[in-house]
C-alpha atoms as a PDB file:
ATOM      1  CA  MET A   1     170.312  36.230  24.861  1.00  0.00           C
ATOM      2  CA  GLY A   2     173.196  37.318  22.719  1.00  0.00           C
ATOM      3  CA  LEU A   3     176.375  38.869  23.998  1.00  0.00           C
ATOM      4  CA  LEU A   4     175.576  42.295  22.596  1.00  0.00           C
ATOM      5  CA  SER A   5     172.032  42.406  23.984  1.00  0.00           C
ATOM      6  CA  GLY A   6     173.328  41.135  27.331  1.00  0.00           C
ATOM      7  CA  VAL A   7     175.833  43.969  27.527  1.00  0.00           C
ATOM      8  CA  LEU A   8     173.319  46.578  26.394  1.00  0.00           C
ATOM      9  CA  LEU A   9     170.666  45.413  28.876  1.00  0.00           C
ATOM     10  CA  LEU A  10     173.065  45.093  31.796  1.00  0.00           C
ATOM     11  CA  PRO A  11     172.164  48.534  33.224  1.00  0.00           C
ATOM     12  CA  LEU A  12     168.536  47.340  33.520  1.00  0.00           C
ATOM     13  CA  ALA A  13     169.462  44.332  35.680  1.00  0.00           C
ATOM     14  CA  PRO A  14     168.764  46.135  39.006  1.00  0.00           C
ATOM     15  CA  VAL A  15     165.308  47.156  37.778  1.00  0.00           C
ATOM     16  CA  ARG A  16     164.491  43.593  36.760  1.00  0.00           C
ATOM     17  CA  GLY A  17     165.786  42.389  40.134  1.00  0.00           C
ATOM     18  CA  VAL A  18     163.533  44.792  42.011  1.00  0.00           C
ATOM     19  CA  GLY A  19     160.576  43.624  39.919  1.00  0.00           C
ATOM     20  CA  TRP A  20     161.379  40.000  40.714  1.00  0.00           C
ATOM     21  CA  VAL A  21     161.608  40.728  44.459  1.00  0.00           C
ATOM     22  CA  ALA A  22     158.303  42.636  44.329  1.00  0.00           C
ATOM     23  CA  GLU A  23     156.607  39.653  42.664  1.00  0.00           C
ATOM     24  CA  ARG A  24     157.961  37.269  45.327  1.00  0.00           C
ATOM     25  CA  LEU A  25     156.733  39.589  48.106  1.00  0.00           C
ATOM     26  CA  LEU A  26     153.294  39.809  46.515  1.00  0.00           C
ATOM     27  CA  ASP A  27     153.104  36.016  46.204  1.00  0.00           C
ATOM     28  CA  ALA A  28     154.093  35.575  49.857  1.00  0.00           C
ATOM     29  CA  ALA A  29     151.555  38.167  51.024  1.00  0.00           C
ATOM     30  CA  GLU A  30     148.760  36.558  49.012  1.00  0.00           C
ATOM     31  CA  ASN A  31     149.639  33.103  50.342  1.00  0.00           C
ATOM     32  CA  GLU A  32     149.595  34.393  53.905  1.00  0.00           C
ATOM     33  CA  LEU A  33     146.343  36.260  53.344  1.00  0.00           C
ATOM     34  CA  HIS A  34     144.617  33.159  52.015  1.00  0.00           C
ATOM     35  CA  ASP A  35     146.254  30.622  54.340  1.00  0.00           C
ATOM     36  CA  PRO A  36     143.359  28.775  56.034  1.00  0.00           C
ATOM     37  CA  ALA A  37     145.167  28.703  59.398  1.00  0.00           C
ATOM     38  CA  VAL A  38     145.638  32.480  59.322  1.00  0.00           C
ATOM     39  CA  VAL A  39     142.010  33.062  58.299  1.00  0.00           C
ATOM     40  CA  ARG A  40     140.770  30.771  61.107  1.00  0.00           C
ATOM     41  CA  ALA A  41     142.927  32.661  63.630  1.00  0.00           C
ATOM     42  CA  ARG A  42     141.445  35.932  62.395  1.00  0.00           C
ATOM     43  CA  LEU A  43     137.935  34.441  62.812  1.00  0.00           C
ATOM     44  CA  ARG A  44     138.766  33.439  66.403  1.00  0.00           C
ATOM     45  CA  ALA A  45     140.065  36.931  67.142  1.00  0.00           C
ATOM     46  CA  LEU A  46     136.916  38.399  65.601  1.00  0.00           C
ATOM     47  CA  ASN A  47     134.717  36.217  67.824  1.00  0.00           C
ATOM     48  CA  GLU A  48     136.699  37.177  70.901  1.00  0.00           C
ATOM     49  CA  ALA A  49     136.378  40.877  70.050  1.00  0.00           C
ATOM     50  CA  LEU A  50     132.603  40.459  69.710  1.00  0.00           C
ATOM     51  CA  GLU A  51     132.390  38.649  73.063  1.00  0.00           C
ATOM     52  CA  ARG A  52     134.386  41.408  74.772  1.00  0.00           C
ATOM     53  CA  GLY A  53     132.050  44.021  73.290  1.00  0.00           C
ATOM     54  CA  GLU A  54     134.790  45.648  71.214  1.00  0.00           C
ATOM     55  CA  LEU A  55     132.897  45.022  67.988  1.00  0.00           C
ATOM     56  CA  SER A  56     129.301  45.671  66.966  1.00  0.00           C
ATOM     57  CA  ALA A  57     127.187  42.836  65.584  1.00  0.00           C
ATOM     58  CA  GLU A  58     127.062  44.552  62.174  1.00  0.00           C
ATOM     59  CA  ASP A  59     130.850  44.900  62.004  1.00  0.00           C
ATOM     60  CA  PHE A  60     131.253  41.311  63.155  1.00  0.00           C
ATOM     61  CA  GLU A  61     128.889  39.984  60.480  1.00  0.00           C
ATOM     62  CA  ARG A  62     130.584  42.016  57.729  1.00  0.00           C
ATOM     63  CA  ASP A  63     134.091  40.904  58.698  1.00  0.00           C
ATOM     64  CA  GLU A  64     133.040  37.314  59.331  1.00  0.00           C
ATOM     65  CA  GLU A  65     131.421  37.109  55.894  1.00  0.00           C
ATOM     66  CA  ARG A  66     134.591  38.439  54.264  1.00  0.00           C
ATOM     67  CA  LEU A  67     136.778  35.916  56.095  1.00  0.00           C
ATOM     68  CA  LEU A  68     134.432  33.017  55.355  1.00  0.00           C
ATOM     69  CA  ASP A  69     134.485  34.023  51.681  1.00  0.00           C
ATOM     70  CA  LEU A  70     138.292  33.856  51.772  1.00  0.00           C
ATOM     71  CA  LEU A  71     138.133  30.347  53.247  1.00  0.00           C
ATOM     72  CA  GLU A  72     135.583  29.295  50.648  1.00  0.00           C
ATOM     73  CA  GLN A  73     137.682  30.679  47.794  1.00  0.00           C
ATOM     74  CA  ARG A  74     140.766  28.884  49.069  1.00  0.00           C
ATOM     75  CA  ALA A  75     138.842  25.615  49.379  1.00  0.00           C
ATOM     76  CA  GLY A  76     137.620  26.048  45.806  1.00  0.00           C
ATOM     77  CA  HIS A  77     141.198  26.395  44.558  1.00  0.00           C
ATOM     78  CA  GLY A  78     142.093  23.043  46.091  1.00  0.00           C
ATOM     79  CA  ARG A  79     139.268  21.155  44.403  1.00  0.00           C
ATOM     80  CA  GLN A  80     139.609  19.881  40.866  1.00  0.00           C
ATOM     81  CA  GLU A  81     136.633  19.895  38.545  1.00  0.00           C
ATOM     82  CA  PRO A  82     135.924  16.492  37.000  1.00  0.00           C
ATOM     83  CA  LYS A  83     137.101  16.235  33.414  1.00  0.00           C
ATOM     84  CA  GLY A  84     135.072  14.840  30.582  1.00  0.00           C
ATOM     85  CA  ASP A  85     131.377  14.657  29.831  1.00  0.00           C
ATOM     86  CA  PRO A  86     129.230  14.470  33.010  1.00  0.00           C
ATOM     87  CA  SER A  87     126.547  12.318  31.291  1.00  0.00           C
END
């Protein structure tokens, strides 16, 4: 970046900083959302709510399916597809 463009763009620095912070917050939230330990804890809490009668079977199945899908997606991100020709 040249000196002139640096000086001209200086007033935009706070906006770029806010954008950078927002991206970091989004990354952290997504990592926490998809963290297998967090998802397993949410599954345990879901099971406990069902056992206490606080949750209907339909709600339990819907939420459990969503959480299991999250675990499955996260496991898929960790696996690498084999490279090259499979034959």
